[in-house]
Amino acid sequence: LPRLPPIGFGTYPGRKRGTVHPQTVSFPCPACQRDVDLGERGLGSLFRNLTLERVVERYRQTINISAAIMCQFCKPPQLEATKGCTECKSSFCNECFKLYHPWGTQKAQHEPTPPTLTFRPKGLMCPEHKEEVTHYCKTCQRLVCQLCRVRRTHTSHKITPVLSAYQALREKLTKSLAYILSSQDTVQTQIAELEETVKHTEV
């Protein structure tokens, strides 16, 4: 507001040309576009958007509730979870994570993740960069991650998202399978005819 021109000089958004209001500044409300006179209170005199305030308050409450994720294996009183496991689909405190992932077992190979209540299935990982693969290189016929994609080795290659490549391959396999099934009767008939020919030749 200090950068706005003084009252009575020039024009600016929300102020009608040729009108002078001492000690007030006319400003358009972003919600209803009505001209609001900003007096001594400044922006405090603007109309409150109660609906938006309620939405923000609900969002803050949701964040506060979901911020604390408790361990799913602690005996009461439960401790706050510090680790998650995608393979076990559970959240653990430090002690419970060690207890349920003992050394020398297959579970010891599980990689800890941040705790959460909704575990996403673990995707395929790039063996070179340890990143989740997101694209498929048609030229190399292999899955690639974001880091692989920007490398010079794939500069002129045809790269598509994994989902597109999956759908294209699925359609191709479906058509091939349908062709094989439709040709099955013909093949069986030909086999029967050949067997008859063999028998006739033997006789």
Protein backbone atom coordinates (compact mmCIF):
# COMPACT_ATOMS: atom_id res chain seq x y z
CA LEU A 1 0.00 0.00 0.00
CA PRO A 2 2.78 2.58 0.64
CA ARG A 3 3.65 2.31 -3.07
CA LEU A 4 0.16 3.40 -4.17
CA PRO A 5 -0.04 6.96 -5.54
CA PRO A 6 -1.28 9.69 -3.16
CA ILE A 7 -5.01 10.42 -3.08
CA GLY A 8 -6.08 12.74 -5.88
CA PHE A 9 -3.13 12.02 -8.19
CA GLY A 10 -3.52 9.58 -11.09
CA THR A 11 -5.53 6.39 -11.07
CA TYR A 12 -5.02 2.88 -9.76
CA PRO A 13 -7.10 -0.34 -9.62
CA GLY A 14 -10.29 0.14 -7.62
CA ARG A 15 -10.28 3.94 -7.64
CA LYS A 16 -12.72 5.86 -9.78
CA ARG A 17 -11.25 8.69 -11.81
CA GLY A 18 -11.99 12.17 -10.45
CA THR A 19 -13.12 11.15 -6.94
CA VAL A 20 -11.26 12.20 -3.80
CA HIS A 21 -11.73 10.52 -0.41
CA PRO A 22 -9.51 11.98 2.28
CA GLN A 23 -7.60 9.48 4.42
CA THR A 24 -9.06 6.47 2.54
CA VAL A 25 -7.87 4.20 -0.26
CA SER A 26 -10.36 2.34 -2.46
CA PHE A 27 -9.30 -1.25 -3.19
CA PRO A 28 -11.19 -4.05 -5.05
CA CYS A 29 -12.09 -7.08 -2.93
CA PRO A 30 -10.55 -10.18 -4.60
CA ALA A 31 -13.65 -12.26 -3.75
CA CYS A 32 -16.63 -10.06 -4.64
CA GLN A 33 -14.88 -7.25 -6.59
CA ARG A 34 -16.63 -4.59 -4.48
CA ASP A 35 -14.68 -1.41 -3.74
CA VAL A 36 -13.51 -1.42 -0.14
CA ASP A 37 -12.29 1.73 1.61
CA LEU A 38 -9.10 0.92 3.48
CA GLY A 39 -8.97 3.38 6.37
CA GLU A 40 -6.73 3.40 9.40
CA ARG A 41 -7.09 -0.39 9.79
CA GLY A 42 -5.70 -1.02 6.29
CA LEU A 43 -6.13 -4.61 5.14
CA GLY A 44 -7.87 -5.42 8.42
CA SER A 45 -11.02 -3.73 7.15
CA LEU A 46 -11.41 -6.23 4.27
CA PHE A 47 -14.31 -8.70 4.42
CA ARG A 48 -13.41 -12.06 5.97
CA ASN A 49 -13.85 -15.19 3.84
CA LEU A 50 -15.37 -17.45 6.49
CA THR A 51 -15.75 -20.43 4.15
CA LEU A 52 -12.05 -20.38 3.26
CA GLU A 53 -11.13 -19.93 6.94
CA ARG A 54 -13.09 -23.09 7.83
CA VAL A 55 -11.37 -25.07 5.04
CA VAL A 56 -7.93 -23.93 6.26
CA GLU A 57 -8.81 -24.80 9.87
CA ARG A 58 -9.97 -28.30 8.88
CA TYR A 59 -6.76 -28.80 6.90
CA ARG A 60 -4.65 -27.76 9.89
CA GLN A 61 -6.54 -30.19 12.13
CA THR A 62 -6.00 -33.01 9.62
CA ILE A 63 -2.27 -32.24 9.50
CA ASN A 64 -2.05 -32.21 13.29
CA ILE A 65 -3.90 -35.54 13.55
CA SER A 66 -1.87 -37.27 10.85
CA ALA A 67 1.46 -35.85 12.08
CA ALA A 68 1.72 -38.37 14.93
CA ILE A 69 1.79 -41.95 13.62
CA MET A 70 1.97 -44.49 16.41
CA CYS A 71 3.84 -47.82 16.37
CA GLN A 72 1.52 -50.68 15.42
CA PHE A 73 3.33 -53.30 17.52
CA CYS A 74 4.04 -51.55 20.84
CA LYS A 75 2.16 -52.68 23.94
CA PRO A 76 0.27 -49.81 25.65
CA PRO A 77 1.39 -47.12 26.03
CA GLN A 78 2.32 -47.00 22.32
CA LEU A 79 5.41 -45.11 21.20
CA GLU A 80 5.49 -42.83 18.17
CA ALA A 81 6.56 -44.60 14.97
CA THR A 82 9.92 -43.62 13.52
CA LYS A 83 10.24 -46.15 10.67
CA GLY A 84 7.96 -47.78 8.13
CA CYS A 85 8.33 -50.97 6.11
CA THR A 86 6.79 -51.27 2.65
CA GLU A 87 7.13 -55.09 2.63
CA CYS A 88 5.44 -55.50 6.03
CA LYS A 89 3.03 -52.58 5.35
CA SER A 90 3.45 -51.39 8.93
CA SER A 91 4.96 -48.57 10.98
CA PHE A 92 7.39 -49.29 13.83
CA CYS A 93 9.24 -47.53 16.62
CA ASN A 94 13.02 -48.15 16.73
CA GLU A 95 12.83 -51.07 19.16
CA CYS A 96 9.96 -52.84 17.40
CA PHE A 97 11.66 -52.43 14.02
CA LYS A 98 14.75 -54.21 15.35
CA LEU A 99 12.57 -56.88 17.01
CA TYR A 100 10.58 -57.69 13.87
CA HIS A 101 13.59 -57.43 11.53
CA PRO A 102 16.26 -59.54 13.30
CA TRP A 103 19.71 -59.94 11.81
CA GLY A 104 20.31 -63.12 9.82
CA THR A 105 16.74 -63.36 8.54
CA GLN A 106 15.14 -62.36 5.25
CA LYS A 107 13.26 -59.51 6.96
CA ALA A 108 16.60 -57.92 7.86
CA GLN A 109 16.92 -57.02 4.16
CA HIS A 110 13.79 -54.80 4.31
CA GLU A 111 14.64 -51.14 3.77
CA PRO A 112 13.14 -48.71 6.32
CA THR A 113 10.99 -45.86 5.01
CA PRO A 114 9.30 -42.88 6.74
CA PRO A 115 6.27 -44.00 8.79
CA THR A 116 2.88 -43.70 7.12
CA LEU A 117 -0.65 -45.11 7.33
CA THR A 118 -0.97 -45.76 3.59
CA PHE A 119 1.79 -47.87 2.11
CA ARG A 120 2.28 -47.74 -1.65
CA PRO A 121 3.36 -50.95 -3.37
CA LYS A 122 7.09 -50.90 -3.97
CA GLY A 123 7.86 -50.32 -7.64
CA LEU A 124 10.69 -51.69 -9.73
CA MET A 125 14.01 -50.04 -8.90
CA CYS A 126 16.82 -49.06 -11.25
CA PRO A 127 19.83 -51.26 -10.37
CA GLU A 128 22.25 -48.48 -11.32
CA HIS A 129 20.74 -45.42 -9.57
CA LYS A 130 18.47 -47.08 -6.98
CA GLU A 131 15.57 -44.93 -8.23
CA GLU A 132 12.07 -46.13 -9.15
CA VAL A 133 11.77 -46.79 -12.88
CA THR A 134 9.22 -44.55 -14.57
CA HIS A 135 9.91 -44.93 -18.32
CA TYR A 136 10.65 -47.58 -20.93
CA CYS A 137 13.33 -47.17 -23.62
CA LYS A 138 12.07 -48.81 -26.82
CA THR A 139 15.52 -48.60 -28.44
CA CYS A 140 17.30 -50.45 -25.61
CA GLN A 141 14.18 -52.44 -24.65
CA ARG A 142 14.69 -51.78 -20.95
CA LEU A 143 13.13 -49.88 -18.08
CA VAL A 144 14.83 -46.59 -17.11
CA CYS A 145 14.58 -44.14 -14.21
CA GLN A 146 14.65 -40.35 -14.41
CA LEU A 147 18.45 -40.24 -14.05
CA CYS A 148 18.91 -42.83 -16.84
CA ARG A 149 16.58 -40.83 -19.07
CA VAL A 150 18.72 -37.66 -18.99
CA ARG A 151 21.98 -39.48 -19.71
CA ARG A 152 23.63 -39.10 -23.12
CA THR A 153 23.22 -42.80 -23.86
CA HIS A 154 19.46 -42.26 -24.29
CA THR A 155 19.59 -38.89 -26.09
CA SER A 156 18.05 -39.96 -29.41
CA HIS A 157 16.19 -43.00 -28.11
CA LYS A 158 12.41 -43.47 -28.14
CA ILE A 159 11.32 -43.30 -24.49
CA THR A 160 7.73 -43.65 -23.27
CA PRO A 161 6.12 -43.81 -19.81
CA VAL A 162 5.96 -47.28 -18.28
CA LEU A 163 2.15 -47.29 -18.33
CA SER A 164 2.02 -46.54 -22.07
CA ALA A 165 4.59 -49.23 -22.83
CA TYR A 166 2.68 -51.71 -20.65
CA GLN A 167 -0.64 -51.01 -22.38
CA ALA A 168 0.93 -51.30 -25.85
CA LEU A 169 2.59 -54.63 -24.98
CA ARG A 170 -0.60 -55.92 -23.39
CA GLU A 171 -2.63 -55.13 -26.52
CA LYS A 172 -0.02 -56.85 -28.69
CA LEU A 173 -0.02 -59.98 -26.51
CA THR A 174 -3.83 -60.03 -26.40
CA LYS A 175 -4.02 -59.94 -30.22
CA SER A 176 -1.37 -62.67 -30.53
CA LEU A 177 -3.20 -64.88 -28.01
CA ALA A 178 -6.53 -64.33 -29.78
CA TYR A 179 -4.91 -65.33 -33.11
CA ILE A 180 -3.42 -68.48 -31.59
CA LEU A 181 -6.73 -69.50 -30.01
CA SER A 182 -8.62 -68.86 -33.24
CA SER A 183 -6.09 -70.98 -35.17
CA GLN A 184 -6.14 -73.81 -32.62
CA ASP A 185 -8.98 -75.73 -34.33
CA THR A 186 -7.27 -75.48 -37.71
CA VAL A 187 -3.99 -76.74 -36.27
CA GLN A 188 -5.72 -79.67 -34.51
CA THR A 189 -7.46 -80.61 -37.77
CA GLN A 190 -4.14 -80.55 -39.65
CA ILE A 191 -2.50 -82.70 -36.96
CA ALA A 192 -5.32 -85.26 -37.21
CA GLU A 193 -4.97 -85.36 -41.00
CA LEU A 194 -1.20 -85.87 -40.73
CA GLU A 195 -1.69 -88.74 -38.26
CA GLU A 196 -4.12 -90.38 -40.65
CA THR A 197 -1.64 -89.94 -43.49
CA VAL A 198 1.12 -91.55 -41.38
CA LYS A 199 -1.12 -94.53 -40.57
CA HIS A 200 -2.11 -94.91 -44.22
CA THR A 201 1.54 -94.76 -45.27
CA GLU A 202 2.50 -97.40 -42.70
CA VAL A 203 -0.25 -99.71 -43.95
